[in-house]
């Protein structure tokens, strides 16, 4: 579980959608409960997860997700992770930075069945010039 949590964040940093998708079960879920109507709610199933991430990666020069805390809950096959997001925007537009908290649930093969990503939507809206669109 721990290895696949780290592999997920590494695949994001590498902007490798195939690696991201391969870490999920066929019916895996990616959920963004604080999307605030500005960002995608998430995706269900490998094809939808692929469609979620494919258009994201070309928008950024680089993506860094250093882990600050990682807690394994063996009995429930879950992991809680706190990490930073440091994303370089294209065209020398600067950096977007946010704090992230996420939970990962795994099946017995250590594939992700559910990934829940929590981020500050106000910081995200400000970083992407969307403050005026907050509902």
N, C-alpha and C. Protein backbone atom coordinates (compact mmCIF):
# COMPACT_ATOMS: atom_id res chain seq x y z
N UNK A 1 0.82 -1.20 0.00
CA UNK A 1 0.00 0.00 0.00
C UNK A 1 0.86 1.26 0.00
N UNK A 2 1.82 1.30 0.91
CA UNK A 2 2.69 2.47 1.00
C UNK A 2 3.43 2.70 -0.32
N UNK A 3 3.94 1.62 -0.89
CA UNK A 3 4.69 1.73 -2.15
C UNK A 3 3.81 2.30 -3.26
N UNK A 4 2.55 1.89 -3.32
CA UNK A 4 1.67 2.38 -4.39
C UNK A 4 1.19 3.80 -4.13
N UNK A 5 1.13 4.20 -2.89
CA UNK A 5 0.83 5.60 -2.59
C UNK A 5 1.96 6.49 -3.10
N UNK A 6 3.16 6.11 -2.78
CA UNK A 6 4.34 6.86 -3.25
C UNK A 6 4.42 6.81 -4.78
N UNK A 7 4.13 5.64 -5.36
CA UNK A 7 4.16 5.49 -6.82
C UNK A 7 3.13 6.39 -7.49
N UNK A 8 1.98 6.57 -6.87
CA UNK A 8 0.95 7.45 -7.42
C UNK A 8 1.47 8.88 -7.51
N UNK A 9 2.02 9.39 -6.42
CA UNK A 9 2.53 10.76 -6.43
C UNK A 9 3.71 10.90 -7.38
N UNK A 10 4.55 9.89 -7.47
CA UNK A 10 5.68 9.89 -8.40
C UNK A 10 5.17 9.91 -9.84
N UNK A 11 4.12 9.13 -10.15
CA UNK A 11 3.55 9.10 -11.50
C UNK A 11 2.98 10.48 -11.87
N UNK A 12 2.41 11.17 -10.88
CA UNK A 12 1.94 12.54 -11.14
C UNK A 12 3.12 13.45 -11.47
N UNK A 13 4.18 13.33 -10.67
CA UNK A 13 5.37 14.15 -10.93
C UNK A 13 5.96 13.86 -12.31
N UNK A 14 5.91 12.62 -12.72
CA UNK A 14 6.43 12.22 -14.04
C UNK A 14 5.44 12.54 -15.16
N UNK A 15 4.24 12.96 -14.78
CA UNK A 15 3.16 13.25 -15.73
C UNK A 15 2.89 12.03 -16.62
N UNK A 16 2.84 10.86 -15.99
CA UNK A 16 2.67 9.59 -16.70
C UNK A 16 1.29 9.02 -16.42
N UNK A 17 0.34 9.34 -17.30
CA UNK A 17 -1.05 8.92 -17.10
C UNK A 17 -1.19 7.40 -17.08
N UNK A 18 -0.39 6.68 -17.84
CA UNK A 18 -0.47 5.22 -17.85
C UNK A 18 -0.12 4.64 -16.48
N UNK A 19 0.91 5.19 -15.86
CA UNK A 19 1.28 4.72 -14.52
C UNK A 19 0.20 5.05 -13.49
N UNK A 20 -0.37 6.24 -13.59
CA UNK A 20 -1.44 6.63 -12.67
C UNK A 20 -2.60 5.64 -12.79
N UNK A 21 -3.06 5.41 -13.99
CA UNK A 21 -4.22 4.55 -14.24
C UNK A 21 -3.94 3.11 -13.78
N UNK A 22 -2.75 2.62 -14.01
CA UNK A 22 -2.41 1.23 -13.66
C UNK A 22 -2.45 0.98 -12.15
N UNK A 23 -2.38 2.02 -11.34
CA UNK A 23 -2.41 1.87 -9.89
C UNK A 23 -3.82 1.68 -9.33
N UNK A 24 -4.83 1.93 -10.16
CA UNK A 24 -6.24 1.83 -9.74
C UNK A 24 -6.85 0.49 -10.18
N UNK A 25 -7.88 0.06 -9.44
CA UNK A 25 -8.69 -1.07 -9.88
C UNK A 25 -9.53 -0.62 -11.07
N UNK A 26 -10.11 -1.56 -11.80
CA UNK A 26 -10.95 -1.22 -12.96
C UNK A 26 -12.04 -0.22 -12.59
N UNK A 27 -12.62 -0.38 -11.41
CA UNK A 27 -13.71 0.51 -10.99
C UNK A 27 -13.26 1.49 -9.90
N UNK A 28 -11.97 1.78 -9.86
CA UNK A 28 -11.42 2.69 -8.86
C UNK A 28 -12.04 4.08 -8.96
N UNK A 29 -12.00 4.80 -7.84
CA UNK A 29 -12.62 6.12 -7.76
C UNK A 29 -11.59 7.15 -7.34
N UNK A 30 -11.63 8.29 -8.01
CA UNK A 30 -10.84 9.48 -7.63
C UNK A 30 -11.87 10.54 -7.30
N UNK A 31 -11.85 11.03 -6.07
CA UNK A 31 -12.85 11.98 -5.61
C UNK A 31 -12.20 13.27 -5.12
N UNK A 32 -12.78 14.41 -5.52
CA UNK A 32 -12.36 15.73 -5.05
C UNK A 32 -13.55 16.38 -4.35
N UNK A 33 -13.77 16.09 -3.06
CA UNK A 33 -14.97 16.61 -2.40
C UNK A 33 -15.03 18.13 -2.29
N UNK A 34 -13.90 18.81 -2.37
CA UNK A 34 -13.91 20.27 -2.27
C UNK A 34 -13.61 20.93 -3.62
N UNK A 35 -14.15 20.36 -4.66
CA UNK A 35 -13.95 20.90 -6.02
C UNK A 35 -14.60 22.26 -6.18
N UNK A 36 -15.60 22.58 -5.37
CA UNK A 36 -16.26 23.90 -5.32
C UNK A 36 -16.85 24.34 -6.64
N UNK A 37 -17.15 23.40 -7.51
CA UNK A 37 -17.73 23.75 -8.81
C UNK A 37 -16.73 24.34 -9.78
N UNK A 38 -15.49 24.49 -9.36
CA UNK A 38 -14.45 25.07 -10.21
C UNK A 38 -13.54 24.03 -10.83
N UNK A 39 -13.45 22.90 -10.17
CA UNK A 39 -12.53 21.85 -10.58
C UNK A 39 -13.32 20.56 -10.76
N UNK A 40 -12.78 19.60 -11.46
CA UNK A 40 -13.52 18.34 -11.64
C UNK A 40 -13.82 17.66 -10.30
N UNK A 41 -15.00 17.04 -10.24
CA UNK A 41 -15.42 16.32 -9.03
C UNK A 41 -14.61 15.06 -8.81
N UNK A 42 -14.06 14.52 -9.88
CA UNK A 42 -13.29 13.29 -9.81
C UNK A 42 -13.64 12.39 -10.98
N UNK A 43 -13.44 11.10 -10.78
CA UNK A 43 -13.67 10.15 -11.87
C UNK A 43 -13.87 8.76 -11.28
N UNK A 44 -14.60 7.92 -12.02
CA UNK A 44 -14.80 6.54 -11.59
C UNK A 44 -14.45 5.61 -12.75
N UNK A 45 -13.56 4.68 -12.48
CA UNK A 45 -13.11 3.73 -13.49
C UNK A 45 -11.83 4.19 -14.16
N UNK A 46 -11.07 3.23 -14.63
CA UNK A 46 -9.76 3.55 -15.22
C UNK A 46 -9.86 4.50 -16.42
N UNK A 47 -10.82 4.28 -17.28
CA UNK A 47 -10.94 5.16 -18.47
C UNK A 47 -11.26 6.59 -18.06
N UNK A 48 -12.14 6.75 -17.08
CA UNK A 48 -12.49 8.10 -16.61
C UNK A 48 -11.30 8.75 -15.88
N UNK A 49 -10.55 7.96 -15.14
CA UNK A 49 -9.36 8.49 -14.47
C UNK A 49 -8.32 8.92 -15.50
N UNK A 50 -8.17 8.14 -16.54
CA UNK A 50 -7.27 8.52 -17.64
C UNK A 50 -7.74 9.84 -18.27
N UNK A 51 -9.04 9.94 -18.54
CA UNK A 51 -9.60 11.16 -19.15
C UNK A 51 -9.48 12.36 -18.21
N UNK A 52 -9.49 12.12 -16.91
CA UNK A 52 -9.32 13.18 -15.92
C UNK A 52 -7.90 13.76 -15.99
N UNK A 53 -6.89 12.88 -16.00
CA UNK A 53 -5.51 13.33 -15.90
C UNK A 53 -4.87 13.71 -17.23
N UNK A 54 -5.26 13.10 -18.32
CA UNK A 54 -4.61 13.38 -19.62
C UNK A 54 -4.54 14.86 -19.96
N UNK A 55 -5.62 15.61 -19.85
CA UNK A 55 -5.52 17.03 -20.21
C UNK A 55 -4.82 17.90 -19.18
N UNK A 56 -4.59 17.38 -17.97
CA UNK A 56 -3.96 18.16 -16.91
C UNK A 56 -2.47 18.32 -17.15
N UNK A 57 -1.81 17.22 -17.42
CA UNK A 57 -0.34 17.22 -17.48
C UNK A 57 0.26 18.21 -18.48
N UNK A 58 -0.29 18.38 -19.68
CA UNK A 58 0.33 19.33 -20.62
C UNK A 58 0.29 20.79 -20.18
N UNK A 59 -0.52 21.10 -19.18
CA UNK A 59 -0.65 22.49 -18.72
C UNK A 59 0.49 22.97 -17.83
N UNK A 60 1.35 22.04 -17.40
CA UNK A 60 2.36 22.39 -16.42
C UNK A 60 3.76 21.99 -16.87
N UNK A 61 4.73 22.82 -16.51
CA UNK A 61 6.13 22.50 -16.78
C UNK A 61 6.57 21.33 -15.92
N UNK A 62 6.27 21.44 -14.63
CA UNK A 62 6.62 20.35 -13.71
C UNK A 62 5.66 20.35 -12.54
N UNK A 63 5.55 19.18 -11.91
CA UNK A 63 4.68 18.99 -10.76
C UNK A 63 5.50 18.28 -9.68
N UNK A 64 5.48 18.84 -8.48
CA UNK A 64 6.21 18.25 -7.36
C UNK A 64 5.22 18.02 -6.21
N UNK A 65 5.30 16.84 -5.61
CA UNK A 65 4.39 16.49 -4.51
C UNK A 65 5.16 15.86 -3.35
N UNK A 66 5.97 16.66 -2.65
CA UNK A 66 6.71 16.10 -1.52
C UNK A 66 5.77 15.72 -0.37
N UNK A 67 6.01 14.53 0.16
CA UNK A 67 5.20 13.99 1.26
C UNK A 67 5.71 14.56 2.58
N UNK A 68 4.77 15.03 3.40
CA UNK A 68 5.09 15.51 4.74
C UNK A 68 4.76 14.48 5.80
N UNK A 69 3.66 13.76 5.62
CA UNK A 69 3.24 12.71 6.56
C UNK A 69 2.60 11.58 5.76
N UNK A 70 2.80 10.37 6.22
CA UNK A 70 2.17 9.21 5.61
C UNK A 70 1.87 8.22 6.73
N UNK A 71 0.58 7.87 6.86
CA UNK A 71 0.15 6.96 7.93
C UNK A 71 -0.56 5.76 7.32
N UNK A 72 -0.05 4.59 7.61
CA UNK A 72 -0.63 3.34 7.10
C UNK A 72 -1.58 2.78 8.14
N UNK A 73 -2.79 2.46 7.69
CA UNK A 73 -3.80 1.82 8.53
C UNK A 73 -4.04 0.42 7.97
N UNK A 74 -3.21 -0.50 8.39
CA UNK A 74 -3.21 -1.87 7.84
C UNK A 74 -4.58 -2.54 7.93
N UNK A 75 -5.21 -2.46 9.09
CA UNK A 75 -6.47 -3.18 9.31
C UNK A 75 -7.56 -2.76 8.33
N UNK A 76 -7.60 -1.50 7.98
CA UNK A 76 -8.63 -1.02 7.06
C UNK A 76 -8.11 -0.85 5.63
N UNK A 77 -6.86 -1.24 5.40
CA UNK A 77 -6.24 -1.15 4.07
C UNK A 77 -6.33 0.28 3.52
N UNK A 78 -5.98 1.22 4.38
CA UNK A 78 -6.03 2.64 4.02
C UNK A 78 -4.71 3.32 4.33
N UNK A 79 -4.50 4.43 3.65
CA UNK A 79 -3.36 5.30 3.93
C UNK A 79 -3.86 6.74 3.94
N UNK A 80 -3.37 7.49 4.91
CA UNK A 80 -3.58 8.93 4.95
C UNK A 80 -2.24 9.57 4.63
N UNK A 81 -2.26 10.55 3.74
CA UNK A 81 -1.01 11.23 3.39
C UNK A 81 -1.26 12.74 3.32
N UNK A 82 -0.31 13.48 3.89
CA UNK A 82 -0.30 14.94 3.79
C UNK A 82 0.89 15.27 2.90
N UNK A 83 0.63 16.07 1.87
CA UNK A 83 1.71 16.43 0.97
C UNK A 83 1.52 17.84 0.43
N UNK A 84 2.58 18.38 -0.07
CA UNK A 84 2.55 19.70 -0.71
C UNK A 84 2.35 19.50 -2.20
N UNK A 85 1.72 20.46 -2.81
CA UNK A 85 1.67 20.52 -4.27
C UNK A 85 2.44 21.76 -4.69
N UNK A 86 3.41 21.56 -5.51
CA UNK A 86 4.21 22.68 -6.04
C UNK A 86 4.27 22.47 -7.53
N UNK A 87 3.53 23.31 -8.27
CA UNK A 87 3.33 23.09 -9.69
C UNK A 87 3.77 24.32 -10.47
N UNK A 88 4.70 24.09 -11.39
CA UNK A 88 5.20 25.19 -12.22
C UNK A 88 4.28 25.37 -13.43
N UNK A 89 3.74 26.57 -13.55
CA UNK A 89 2.83 26.87 -14.64
C UNK A 89 3.62 27.14 -15.93
N UNK A 90 3.00 26.86 -17.05
CA UNK A 90 3.64 27.09 -18.36
C UNK A 90 3.83 28.59 -18.61
N UNK A 91 4.75 28.90 -19.51
CA UNK A 91 4.97 30.27 -19.96
C UNK A 91 5.50 31.20 -18.88
N UNK A 92 6.33 30.69 -18.00
CA UNK A 92 6.89 31.50 -16.91
C UNK A 92 5.82 32.23 -16.10
N UNK A 93 4.66 31.56 -15.92
CA UNK A 93 3.54 32.17 -15.20
C UNK A 93 3.65 31.96 -13.69
N UNK A 94 4.75 31.39 -13.24
CA UNK A 94 4.95 31.21 -11.80
C UNK A 94 4.60 29.82 -11.32
N UNK A 95 4.41 29.73 -10.01
CA UNK A 95 4.15 28.46 -9.35
C UNK A 95 2.80 28.51 -8.64
N UNK A 96 2.10 27.40 -8.71
CA UNK A 96 0.90 27.20 -7.91
C UNK A 96 1.29 26.28 -6.77
N UNK A 97 0.94 26.66 -5.54
CA UNK A 97 1.27 25.84 -4.39
C UNK A 97 0.04 25.69 -3.51
N UNK A 98 -0.15 24.47 -2.99
CA UNK A 98 -1.28 24.20 -2.10
C UNK A 98 -0.89 23.05 -1.18
N UNK A 99 -1.63 22.92 -0.09
CA UNK A 99 -1.47 21.78 0.80
C UNK A 99 -2.53 20.76 0.44
N UNK A 100 -2.16 19.50 0.48
CA UNK A 100 -3.08 18.42 0.15
C UNK A 100 -3.13 17.40 1.28
N UNK A 101 -4.31 16.87 1.48
CA UNK A 101 -4.54 15.75 2.39
C UNK A 101 -5.30 14.73 1.57
N UNK A 102 -4.90 13.48 1.66
CA UNK A 102 -5.55 12.46 0.83
C UNK A 102 -5.66 11.15 1.59
N UNK A 103 -6.69 10.42 1.24
CA UNK A 103 -6.81 9.05 1.71
C UNK A 103 -6.80 8.13 0.50
N UNK A 104 -6.17 7.01 0.69
CA UNK A 104 -6.12 5.96 -0.32
C UNK A 104 -6.71 4.70 0.31
N UNK A 105 -7.61 4.04 -0.40
CA UNK A 105 -8.09 2.72 0.01
C UNK A 105 -7.60 1.73 -1.02
N UNK A 106 -7.23 0.54 -0.54
CA UNK A 106 -6.62 -0.48 -1.41
C UNK A 106 -7.36 -1.80 -1.32
N UNK A 107 -7.30 -2.56 -2.41
CA UNK A 107 -7.80 -3.92 -2.37
C UNK A 107 -6.67 -4.85 -1.92
N UNK A 108 -6.92 -6.15 -1.92
CA UNK A 108 -5.93 -7.11 -1.45
C UNK A 108 -4.71 -7.20 -2.36
N UNK A 109 -4.82 -6.71 -3.60
CA UNK A 109 -3.67 -6.68 -4.52
C UNK A 109 -2.92 -5.35 -4.47
N UNK A 110 -3.29 -4.52 -3.51
CA UNK A 110 -2.68 -3.19 -3.31
C UNK A 110 -2.94 -2.23 -4.46
N UNK A 111 -4.04 -2.44 -5.17
CA UNK A 111 -4.48 -1.46 -6.16
C UNK A 111 -5.44 -0.49 -5.48
N UNK A 112 -5.44 0.74 -5.94
CA UNK A 112 -6.26 1.78 -5.34
C UNK A 112 -7.72 1.57 -5.73
N UNK A 113 -8.58 1.47 -4.70
CA UNK A 113 -10.03 1.39 -4.95
C UNK A 113 -10.66 2.76 -4.81
N UNK A 114 -10.04 3.62 -3.96
CA UNK A 114 -10.56 4.97 -3.77
C UNK A 114 -9.44 5.91 -3.37
N UNK A 115 -9.39 7.04 -4.06
CA UNK A 115 -8.44 8.11 -3.74
C UNK A 115 -9.28 9.37 -3.51
N UNK A 116 -9.19 9.94 -2.32
CA UNK A 116 -9.92 11.17 -2.00
C UNK A 116 -8.88 12.26 -1.77
N UNK A 117 -8.99 13.33 -2.56
CA UNK A 117 -8.02 14.43 -2.52
C UNK A 117 -8.67 15.67 -1.93
N UNK A 118 -8.07 16.18 -0.87
CA UNK A 118 -8.58 17.38 -0.21
C UNK A 118 -7.55 18.49 -0.37
N UNK A 119 -8.01 19.63 -0.88
CA UNK A 119 -7.14 20.78 -1.06
C UNK A 119 -7.95 22.02 -0.76
N UNK A 120 -7.27 23.14 -0.55
CA UNK A 120 -7.95 24.39 -0.28
C UNK A 120 -8.42 24.98 -1.62
N UNK A 121 -9.73 25.00 -1.87
CA UNK A 121 -10.22 25.48 -3.16
C UNK A 121 -10.02 26.98 -3.38
N UNK A 122 -9.93 27.75 -2.30
CA UNK A 122 -9.69 29.20 -2.43
C UNK A 122 -8.27 29.43 -2.94
N UNK A 123 -7.31 28.72 -2.36
CA UNK A 123 -5.91 28.83 -2.81
C UNK A 123 -5.82 28.38 -4.27
N UNK A 124 -6.51 27.29 -4.62
CA UNK A 124 -6.49 26.79 -6.00
C UNK A 124 -7.11 27.80 -6.95
N UNK A 125 -8.26 28.35 -6.59
CA UNK A 125 -8.94 29.33 -7.45
C UNK A 125 -8.05 30.55 -7.66
N UNK A 126 -7.42 31.02 -6.60
CA UNK A 126 -6.51 32.16 -6.71
C UNK A 126 -5.33 31.82 -7.62
N UNK A 127 -4.75 30.63 -7.45
CA UNK A 127 -3.60 30.22 -8.23
C UNK A 127 -3.86 30.09 -9.72
N UNK A 128 -5.11 29.76 -10.06
CA UNK A 128 -5.46 29.58 -11.47
C UNK A 128 -6.33 30.73 -12.01
N UNK A 129 -6.41 31.83 -11.27
CA UNK A 129 -7.15 33.00 -11.72
C UNK A 129 -8.64 32.78 -11.82
N UNK A 130 -9.21 32.00 -10.90
CA UNK A 130 -10.64 31.67 -10.96
C UNK A 130 -11.45 32.22 -9.77
N UNK A 131 -10.89 33.12 -9.00
CA UNK A 131 -11.57 33.61 -7.81
C UNK A 131 -12.95 34.17 -8.11
N UNK A 132 -13.10 34.82 -9.23
CA UNK A 132 -14.39 35.42 -9.58
C UNK A 132 -15.46 34.38 -9.93
N UNK A 133 -15.08 33.13 -10.07
CA UNK A 133 -16.02 32.06 -10.44
C UNK A 133 -16.49 31.24 -9.25
N UNK A 134 -16.02 31.56 -8.06
CA UNK A 134 -16.45 30.82 -6.87
C UNK A 134 -17.93 31.07 -6.66
N UNK A 135 -18.64 29.98 -6.40
CA UNK A 135 -20.09 30.08 -6.20
C UNK A 135 -20.42 30.22 -4.74
